[in-house]
Amino acid sequence: MIYKTKSDTTPTNIYIPSHLIGLELEGVLQGNLVVKKNHVTIHTFDTITVIEESECEKTKRTFYQAIAYLNKKRYFVILKKK
């Protein structure tokens, strides 16, 4: 499952695979915390690869663990359904 943009400067050329449609960025992992960043979306990253689908024990909501790349730097991100 990979998400790619064709250009960082022209968001009209964004390609989103059908299995990622309806997902949004919940946050970026920093240590043991998920930090919500208002200015960052899935469109910010060059690629996103979903690694695993999980369920929150408390809320029973489904979320997706993923690895994202931006300018060859790796980030661990959490995606959720819109």
PDB file of N, CA and C in Angstrom:
ATOM      1  N   MET A   1       0.841  -1.167   0.000  1.00  0.00           N
ATOM      2  CA  MET A   1       0.000   0.000   0.000  1.00  0.00           C
ATOM      3  C   MET A   1       0.891   1.236   0.000  1.00  0.00           C
ATOM      4  N   ILE A   2       0.973   1.901  -1.108  1.00  0.00           N
ATOM      5  CA  ILE A   2       1.846   3.065  -1.203  1.00  0.00           C
ATOM      6  C   ILE A   2       1.050   4.253  -1.709  1.00  0.00           C
ATOM      7  N   TYR A   3       1.300   5.395  -1.121  1.00  0.00           N
ATOM      8  CA  TYR A   3       0.720   6.665  -1.541  1.00  0.00           C
ATOM      9  C   TYR A   3       1.839   7.495  -2.127  1.00  0.00           C
ATOM     10  N   LYS A   4       1.669   8.083  -3.302  1.00  0.00           N
ATOM     11  CA  LYS A   4       2.712   8.898  -3.914  1.00  0.00           C
ATOM     12  C   LYS A   4       2.133  10.201  -4.436  1.00  0.00           C
ATOM     13  N   THR A   5       2.938  11.248  -4.358  1.00  0.00           N
ATOM     14  CA  THR A   5       2.599  12.494  -5.023  1.00  0.00           C
ATOM     15  C   THR A   5       3.539  12.636  -6.201  1.00  0.00           C
ATOM     16  N   LYS A   6       3.076  13.271  -7.248  1.00  0.00           N
ATOM     17  CA  LYS A   6       3.921  13.507  -8.412  1.00  0.00           C
ATOM     18  C   LYS A   6       4.771  14.748  -8.223  1.00  0.00           C
ATOM     19  N   SER A   7       4.327  15.640  -7.358  1.00  0.00           N
ATOM     20  CA  SER A   7       5.075  16.868  -7.143  1.00  0.00           C
ATOM     21  C   SER A   7       4.729  17.459  -5.790  1.00  0.00           C
ATOM     22  N   ASP A   8       5.727  18.004  -5.112  1.00  0.00           N
ATOM     23  CA  ASP A   8       5.470  18.665  -3.835  1.00  0.00           C
ATOM     24  C   ASP A   8       4.813  20.022  -4.039  1.00  0.00           C
ATOM     25  N   THR A   9       5.008  20.619  -5.213  1.00  0.00           N
ATOM     26  CA  THR A   9       4.526  21.985  -5.436  1.00  0.00           C
ATOM     27  C   THR A   9       3.175  22.049  -6.129  1.00  0.00           C
ATOM     28  N   THR A  10       2.728  20.962  -6.729  1.00  0.00           N
ATOM     29  CA  THR A  10       1.442  20.981  -7.429  1.00  0.00           C
ATOM     30  C   THR A  10       0.531  19.890  -6.888  1.00  0.00           C
ATOM     31  N   PRO A  11      -0.219  20.191  -5.823  1.00  0.00           N
ATOM     32  CA  PRO A  11      -1.063  19.160  -5.223  1.00  0.00           C
ATOM     33  C   PRO A  11      -2.198  18.677  -6.121  1.00  0.00           C
ATOM     34  N   THR A  12      -2.406  19.292  -7.280  1.00  0.00           N
ATOM     35  CA  THR A  12      -3.439  18.802  -8.185  1.00  0.00           C
ATOM     36  C   THR A  12      -3.025  17.500  -8.853  1.00  0.00           C
ATOM     37  N   ASN A  13      -1.742  17.157  -8.803  1.00  0.00           N
ATOM     38  CA  ASN A  13      -1.246  15.932  -9.425  1.00  0.00           C
ATOM     39  C   ASN A  13      -1.100  14.799  -8.421  1.00  0.00           C
ATOM     40  N   ILE A  14      -1.926  14.785  -7.397  1.00  0.00           N
ATOM     41  CA  ILE A  14      -1.811  13.776  -6.348  1.00  0.00           C
ATOM     42  C   ILE A  14      -2.503  12.487  -6.778  1.00  0.00           C
ATOM     43  N   TYR A  15      -1.814  11.392  -6.569  1.00  0.00           N
ATOM     44  CA  TYR A  15      -2.364  10.066  -6.829  1.00  0.00           C
ATOM     45  C   TYR A  15      -2.578   9.378  -5.481  1.00  0.00           C
ATOM     46  N   ILE A  16      -3.784   8.946  -5.228  1.00  0.00           N
ATOM     47  CA  ILE A  16      -4.080   8.217  -3.993  1.00  0.00           C
ATOM     48  C   ILE A  16      -4.675   6.864  -4.389  1.00  0.00           C
ATOM     49  N   PRO A  17      -4.018   5.762  -4.020  1.00  0.00           N
ATOM     50  CA  PRO A  17      -4.581   4.448  -4.312  1.00  0.00           C
ATOM     51  C   PRO A  17      -5.940   4.281  -3.647  1.00  0.00           C
ATOM     52  N   SER A  18      -6.780   3.481  -4.240  1.00  0.00           N
ATOM     53  CA  SER A  18      -8.154   3.344  -3.755  1.00  0.00           C
ATOM     54  C   SER A  18      -8.218   2.860  -2.307  1.00  0.00           C
ATOM     55  N   HIS A  19      -7.263   2.052  -1.860  1.00  0.00           N
ATOM     56  CA  HIS A  19      -7.302   1.552  -0.486  1.00  0.00           C
ATOM     57  C   HIS A  19      -6.911   2.620   0.537  1.00  0.00           C
ATOM     58  N   LEU A  20      -6.372   3.774   0.107  1.00  0.00           N
ATOM     59  CA  LEU A  20      -6.049   4.866   1.028  1.00  0.00           C
ATOM     60  C   LEU A  20      -7.076   5.996   0.981  1.00  0.00           C
ATOM     61  N   ILE A  21      -8.007   5.934   0.047  1.00  0.00           N
ATOM     62  CA  ILE A  21      -9.041   6.955  -0.009  1.00  0.00           C
ATOM     63  C   ILE A  21      -9.907   6.838   1.238  1.00  0.00           C
ATOM     64  N   GLY A  22     -10.177   7.946   1.865  1.00  0.00           N
ATOM     65  CA  GLY A  22     -10.970   7.947   3.081  1.00  0.00           C
ATOM     66  C   GLY A  22     -10.136   7.916   4.349  1.00  0.00           C
ATOM     67  N   LEU A  23      -8.806   7.882   4.210  1.00  0.00           N
ATOM     68  CA  LEU A  23      -7.930   7.908   5.377  1.00  0.00           C
ATOM     69  C   LEU A  23      -7.336   9.301   5.546  1.00  0.00           C
ATOM     70  N   GLU A  24      -7.047   9.646   6.789  1.00  0.00           N
ATOM     71  CA  GLU A  24      -6.378  10.905   7.068  1.00  0.00           C
ATOM     72  C   GLU A  24      -5.317  10.677   8.123  1.00  0.00           C
ATOM     73  N   LEU A  25      -4.403  11.607   8.228  1.00  0.00           N
ATOM     74  CA  LEU A  25      -3.304  11.497   9.170  1.00  0.00           C
ATOM     75  C   LEU A  25      -3.790  11.785  10.579  1.00  0.00           C
ATOM     76  N   GLU A  26      -3.605  10.833  11.470  1.00  0.00           N
ATOM     77  CA  GLU A  26      -3.935  11.020  12.887  1.00  0.00           C
ATOM     78  C   GLU A  26      -2.788  11.717  13.596  1.00  0.00           C
ATOM     79  N   GLY A  27      -1.564  11.329  13.266  1.00  0.00           N
ATOM     80  CA  GLY A  27      -0.414  11.959  13.898  1.00  0.00           C
ATOM     81  C   GLY A  27       0.888  11.314  13.471  1.00  0.00           C
ATOM     82  N   VAL A  28       1.977  11.928  13.891  1.00  0.00           N
ATOM     83  CA  VAL A  28       3.321  11.452  13.611  1.00  0.00           C
ATOM     84  C   VAL A  28       3.909  10.949  14.928  1.00  0.00           C
ATOM     85  N   LEU A  29       4.507   9.764  14.912  1.00  0.00           N
ATOM     86  CA  LEU A  29       5.090   9.206  16.129  1.00  0.00           C
ATOM     87  C   LEU A  29       6.396   9.910  16.459  1.00  0.00           C
ATOM     88  N   GLN A  30       6.516  10.326  17.708  1.00  0.00           N
ATOM     89  CA  GLN A  30       7.763  10.876  18.230  1.00  0.00           C
ATOM     90  C   GLN A  30       8.013  10.196  19.563  1.00  0.00           C
ATOM     91  N   GLY A  31       8.938   9.249  19.576  1.00  0.00           N
ATOM     92  CA  GLY A  31       9.152   8.435  20.769  1.00  0.00           C
ATOM     93  C   GLY A  31       7.959   7.540  20.987  1.00  0.00           C
ATOM     94  N   ASN A  32       7.376   7.596  22.169  1.00  0.00           N
ATOM     95  CA  ASN A  32       6.187   6.798  22.484  1.00  0.00           C
ATOM     96  C   ASN A  32       4.896   7.583  22.304  1.00  0.00           C
ATOM     97  N   LEU A  33       4.978   8.815  21.815  1.00  0.00           N
ATOM     98  CA  LEU A  33       3.804   9.677  21.682  1.00  0.00           C
ATOM     99  C   LEU A  33       3.396   9.848  20.226  1.00  0.00           C
ATOM    100  N   VAL A  34       2.095   9.998  20.002  1.00  0.00           N
ATOM    101  CA  VAL A  34       1.584  10.369  18.682  1.00  0.00           C
ATOM    102  C   VAL A  34       1.297  11.859  18.743  1.00  0.00           C
ATOM    103  N   VAL A  35       2.077  12.629  18.015  1.00  0.00           N
ATOM    104  CA  VAL A  35       1.959  14.082  18.042  1.00  0.00           C
ATOM    105  C   VAL A  35       1.087  14.510  16.873  1.00  0.00           C
ATOM    106  N   LYS A  36      -0.014  15.186  17.165  1.00  0.00           N
ATOM    107  CA  LYS A  36      -0.906  15.680  16.116  1.00  0.00           C
ATOM    108  C   LYS A  36      -0.349  16.986  15.576  1.00  0.00           C
ATOM    109  N   LYS A  37      -0.169  17.031  14.293  1.00  0.00           N
ATOM    110  CA  LYS A  37       0.372  18.222  13.652  1.00  0.00           C
ATOM    111  C   LYS A  37      -0.674  18.751  12.685  1.00  0.00           C
ATOM    112  N   ASN A  38      -1.211  19.911  12.978  1.00  0.00           N
ATOM    113  CA  ASN A  38      -2.297  20.474  12.178  1.00  0.00           C
ATOM    114  C   ASN A  38      -1.871  20.821  10.757  1.00  0.00           C
ATOM    115  N   HIS A  39      -0.616  21.166  10.562  1.00  0.00           N
ATOM    116  CA  HIS A  39      -0.166  21.588   9.240  1.00  0.00           C
ATOM    117  C   HIS A  39       0.304  20.423   8.363  1.00  0.00           C
ATOM    118  N   VAL A  40       0.251  19.187   8.861  1.00  0.00           N
ATOM    119  CA  VAL A  40       0.719  18.019   8.112  1.00  0.00           C
ATOM    120  C   VAL A  40      -0.475  17.145   7.746  1.00  0.00           C
ATOM    121  N   THR A  41      -0.525  16.708   6.473  1.00  0.00           N
ATOM    122  CA  THR A  41      -1.557  15.784   5.993  1.00  0.00           C
ATOM    123  C   THR A  41      -0.870  14.641   5.257  1.00  0.00           C
ATOM    124  N   ILE A  42      -1.644  13.688   4.750  1.00  0.00           N
ATOM    125  CA  ILE A  42      -1.030  12.611   3.965  1.00  0.00           C
ATOM    126  C   ILE A  42      -0.422  13.154   2.683  1.00  0.00           C
ATOM    127  N   HIS A  43      -0.894  14.298   2.221  1.00  0.00           N
ATOM    128  CA  HIS A  43      -0.363  14.902   0.999  1.00  0.00           C
ATOM    129  C   HIS A  43       0.999  15.539   1.212  1.00  0.00           C
ATOM    130  N   THR A  44       1.424  15.708   2.451  1.00  0.00           N
ATOM    131  CA  THR A  44       2.725  16.294   2.768  1.00  0.00           C
ATOM    132  C   THR A  44       3.863  15.353   2.390  1.00  0.00           C
ATOM    133  N   PHE A  45       3.632  14.055   2.480  1.00  0.00           N
ATOM    134  CA  PHE A  45       4.694  13.073   2.304  1.00  0.00           C
ATOM    135  C   PHE A  45       4.843  12.640   0.850  1.00  0.00           C
ATOM    136  N   ASP A  46       6.072  12.205   0.515  1.00  0.00           N
ATOM    137  CA  ASP A  46       6.341  11.694  -0.832  1.00  0.00           C
ATOM    138  C   ASP A  46       5.721  10.314  -1.026  1.00  0.00           C
ATOM    139  N   THR A  47       5.876   9.441  -0.031  1.00  0.00           N
ATOM    140  CA  THR A  47       5.267   8.110  -0.088  1.00  0.00           C
ATOM    141  C   THR A  47       4.775   7.715   1.302  1.00  0.00           C
ATOM    142  N   ILE A  48       3.738   6.899   1.330  1.00  0.00           N
ATOM    143  CA  ILE A  48       3.242   6.315   2.572  1.00  0.00           C
ATOM    144  C   ILE A  48       2.989   4.834   2.312  1.00  0.00           C
ATOM    145  N   THR A  49       3.565   3.992   3.161  1.00  0.00           N
ATOM    146  CA  THR A  49       3.360   2.553   3.063  1.00  0.00           C
ATOM    147  C   THR A  49       2.677   2.085   4.342  1.00  0.00           C
ATOM    148  N   VAL A  50       1.473   1.543   4.220  1.00  0.00           N
ATOM    149  CA  VAL A  50       0.746   1.034   5.382  1.00  0.00           C
ATOM    150  C   VAL A  50       1.355  -0.305   5.767  1.00  0.00           C
ATOM    151  N   ILE A  51       1.723  -0.426   7.042  1.00  0.00           N
ATOM    152  CA  ILE A  51       2.365  -1.632   7.541  1.00  0.00           C
ATOM    153  C   ILE A  51       1.357  -2.570   8.199  1.00  0.00           C
ATOM    154  N   GLU A  52       0.469  -2.008   9.018  1.00  0.00           N
ATOM    155  CA  GLU A  52      -0.436  -2.858   9.787  1.00  0.00           C
ATOM    156  C   GLU A  52      -1.724  -2.126  10.125  1.00  0.00           C
ATOM    157  N   GLU A  53      -2.811  -2.871  10.152  1.00  0.00           N
ATOM    158  CA  GLU A  53      -4.109  -2.352  10.609  1.00  0.00           C
ATOM    159  C   GLU A  53      -4.299  -2.815  12.042  1.00  0.00           C
ATOM    160  N   SER A  54      -4.698  -1.897  12.928  1.00  0.00           N
ATOM    161  CA  SER A  54      -4.859  -2.221  14.349  1.00  0.00           C
ATOM    162  C   SER A  54      -6.170  -1.647  14.865  1.00  0.00           C
ATOM    163  N   GLU A  55      -6.508  -2.023  16.098  1.00  0.00           N
ATOM    164  CA  GLU A  55      -7.714  -1.506  16.739  1.00  0.00           C
ATOM    165  C   GLU A  55      -7.349  -0.974  18.121  1.00  0.00           C
ATOM    166  N   CYS A  56      -7.854   0.208  18.440  1.00  0.00           N
ATOM    167  CA  CYS A  56      -7.626   0.798  19.759  1.00  0.00           C
ATOM    168  C   CYS A  56      -8.399  -0.019  20.790  1.00  0.00           C
ATOM    169  N   GLU A  57      -7.720  -0.400  21.871  1.00  0.00           N
ATOM    170  CA  GLU A  57      -8.370  -1.224  22.896  1.00  0.00           C
ATOM    171  C   GLU A  57      -9.494  -0.478  23.605  1.00  0.00           C
ATOM    172  N   LYS A  58      -9.312   0.830  23.826  1.00  0.00           N
ATOM    173  CA  LYS A  58     -10.314   1.613  24.555  1.00  0.00           C
ATOM    174  C   LYS A  58     -11.513   1.972  23.689  1.00  0.00           C
ATOM    175  N   THR A  59     -11.264   2.529  22.495  1.00  0.00           N
ATOM    176  CA  THR A  59     -12.360   3.048  21.668  1.00  0.00           C
ATOM    177  C   THR A  59     -12.848   2.065  20.610  1.00  0.00           C
ATOM    178  N   LYS A  60     -12.081   1.020  20.357  1.00  0.00           N
ATOM    179  CA  LYS A  60     -12.387   0.019  19.324  1.00  0.00           C
ATOM    180  C   LYS A  60     -12.346   0.616  17.907  1.00  0.00           C
ATOM    181  N   ARG A  61     -11.724   1.785  17.745  1.00  0.00           N
ATOM    182  CA  ARG A  61     -11.563   2.386  16.420  1.00  0.00           C
ATOM    183  C   ARG A  61     -10.397   1.742  15.684  1.00  0.00           C
ATOM    184  N   THR A  62     -10.547   1.570  14.379  1.00  0.00           N
ATOM    185  CA  THR A  62      -9.479   1.028  13.554  1.00  0.00           C
ATOM    186  C   THR A  62      -8.517   2.148  13.186  1.00  0.00           C
ATOM    187  N   PHE A  63      -7.220   1.851  13.260  1.00  0.00           N
ATOM    188  CA  PHE A  63      -6.212   2.793  12.802  1.00  0.00           C
ATOM    189  C   PHE A  63      -5.137   2.017  12.051  1.00  0.00           C
ATOM    190  N   TYR A  64      -4.321   2.740  11.312  1.00  0.00           N
ATOM    191  CA  TYR A  64      -3.334   2.123  10.449  1.00  0.00           C
ATOM    192  C   TYR A  64      -1.948   2.651  10.791  1.00  0.00           C
ATOM    193  N   GLN A  65      -1.010   1.741  11.016  1.00  0.00           N
ATOM    194  CA  GLN A  65       0.374   2.102  11.262  1.00  0.00           C
ATOM    195  C   GLN A  65       1.078   2.128   9.909  1.00  0.00           C
ATOM    196  N   ALA A  66       1.849   3.181   9.667  1.00  0.00           N
ATOM    197  CA  ALA A  66       2.463   3.339   8.357  1.00  0.00           C
ATOM    198  C   ALA A  66       3.845   3.978   8.469  1.00  0.00           C
ATOM    199  N   ILE A  67       4.616   3.787   7.421  1.00  0.00           N
ATOM    200  CA  ILE A  67       5.906   4.455   7.280  1.00  0.00           C
ATOM    201  C   ILE A  67       5.758   5.451   6.146  1.00  0.00           C
ATOM    202  N   ALA A  68       6.167   6.688   6.410  1.00  0.00           N
ATOM    203  CA  ALA A  68       6.075   7.749   5.399  1.00  0.00           C
ATOM    204  C   ALA A  68       7.466   8.316   5.149  1.00  0.00           C
ATOM    205  N   TYR A  69       7.689   8.751   3.925  1.00  0.00           N
ATOM    206  CA  TYR A  69       8.963   9.370   3.570  1.00  0.00           C
ATOM    207  C   TYR A  69       8.719  10.779   3.059  1.00  0.00           C
ATOM    208  N   LEU A  70       9.582  11.678   3.476  1.00  0.00           N
ATOM    209  CA  LEU A  70       9.581  13.050   2.987  1.00  0.00           C
ATOM    210  C   LEU A  70      11.032  13.455   2.801  1.00  0.00           C
ATOM    211  N   ASN A  71      11.401  13.750   1.556  1.00  0.00           N
ATOM    212  CA  ASN A  71      12.787  14.105   1.230  1.00  0.00           C
ATOM    213  C   ASN A  71      13.776  13.067   1.758  1.00  0.00           C
ATOM    214  N   LYS A  72      13.459  11.796   1.553  1.00  0.00           N
ATOM    215  CA  LYS A  72      14.273  10.642   1.928  1.00  0.00           C
ATOM    216  C   LYS A  72      14.420  10.450   3.438  1.00  0.00           C
ATOM    217  N   LYS A  73      13.660  11.191   4.241  1.00  0.00           N
ATOM    218  CA  LYS A  73      13.661  11.008   5.689  1.00  0.00           C
ATOM    219  C   LYS A  73      12.436  10.186   6.064  1.00  0.00           C
ATOM    220  N   ARG A  74      12.623   9.199   6.952  1.00  0.00           N
ATOM    221  CA  ARG A  74      11.542   8.278   7.314  1.00  0.00           C
ATOM    222  C   ARG A  74      10.813   8.758   8.561  1.00  0.00           C
ATOM    223  N   TYR A  75       9.477   8.637   8.512  1.00  0.00           N
ATOM    224  CA  TYR A  75       8.613   8.964   9.644  1.00  0.00           C
ATOM    225  C   TYR A  75       7.674   7.797   9.882  1.00  0.00           C
ATOM    226  N   PHE A  76       7.308   7.563  11.128  1.00  0.00           N
ATOM    227  CA  PHE A  76       6.282   6.582  11.462  1.00  0.00           C
ATOM    228  C   PHE A  76       5.006   7.377  11.745  1.00  0.00           C
ATOM    229  N   VAL A  77       3.931   7.032  11.051  1.00  0.00           N
ATOM    230  CA  VAL A  77       2.689   7.787  11.155  1.00  0.00           C
ATOM    231  C   VAL A  77       1.524   6.863  11.476  1.00  0.00           C
ATOM    232  N   ILE A  78       0.467   7.464  12.011  1.00  0.00           N
ATOM    233  CA  ILE A  78      -0.783   6.767  12.286  1.00  0.00           C
ATOM    234  C   ILE A  78      -1.861   7.399  11.407  1.00  0.00           C
ATOM    235  N   LEU A  79      -2.590   6.560  10.686  1.00  0.00           N
ATOM    236  CA  LEU A  79      -3.682   7.017   9.839  1.00  0.00           C
ATOM    237  C   LEU A  79      -4.989   6.535  10.449  1.00  0.00           C
ATOM    238  N   LYS A  80      -6.064   7.272  10.187  1.00  0.00           N
ATOM    239  CA  LYS A  80      -7.392   6.858  10.652  1.00  0.00           C
ATOM    240  C   LYS A  80      -8.387   7.121   9.539  1.00  0.00           C
ATOM    241  N   LYS A  81      -9.568   6.539   9.667  1.00  0.00           N
ATOM    242  CA  LYS A  81     -10.634   6.791   8.707  1.00  0.00           C
ATOM    243  C   LYS A  81     -11.229   8.155   8.981  1.00  0.00           C
ATOM    244  N   LYS A  82     -11.633   8.822   7.913  1.00  0.00           N
ATOM    245  CA  LYS A  82     -12.234  10.157   8.042  1.00  0.00           C
ATOM    246  C   LYS A  82     -13.582  10.065   8.702  1.00  0.00           C
TER     247      LYS A  82
END
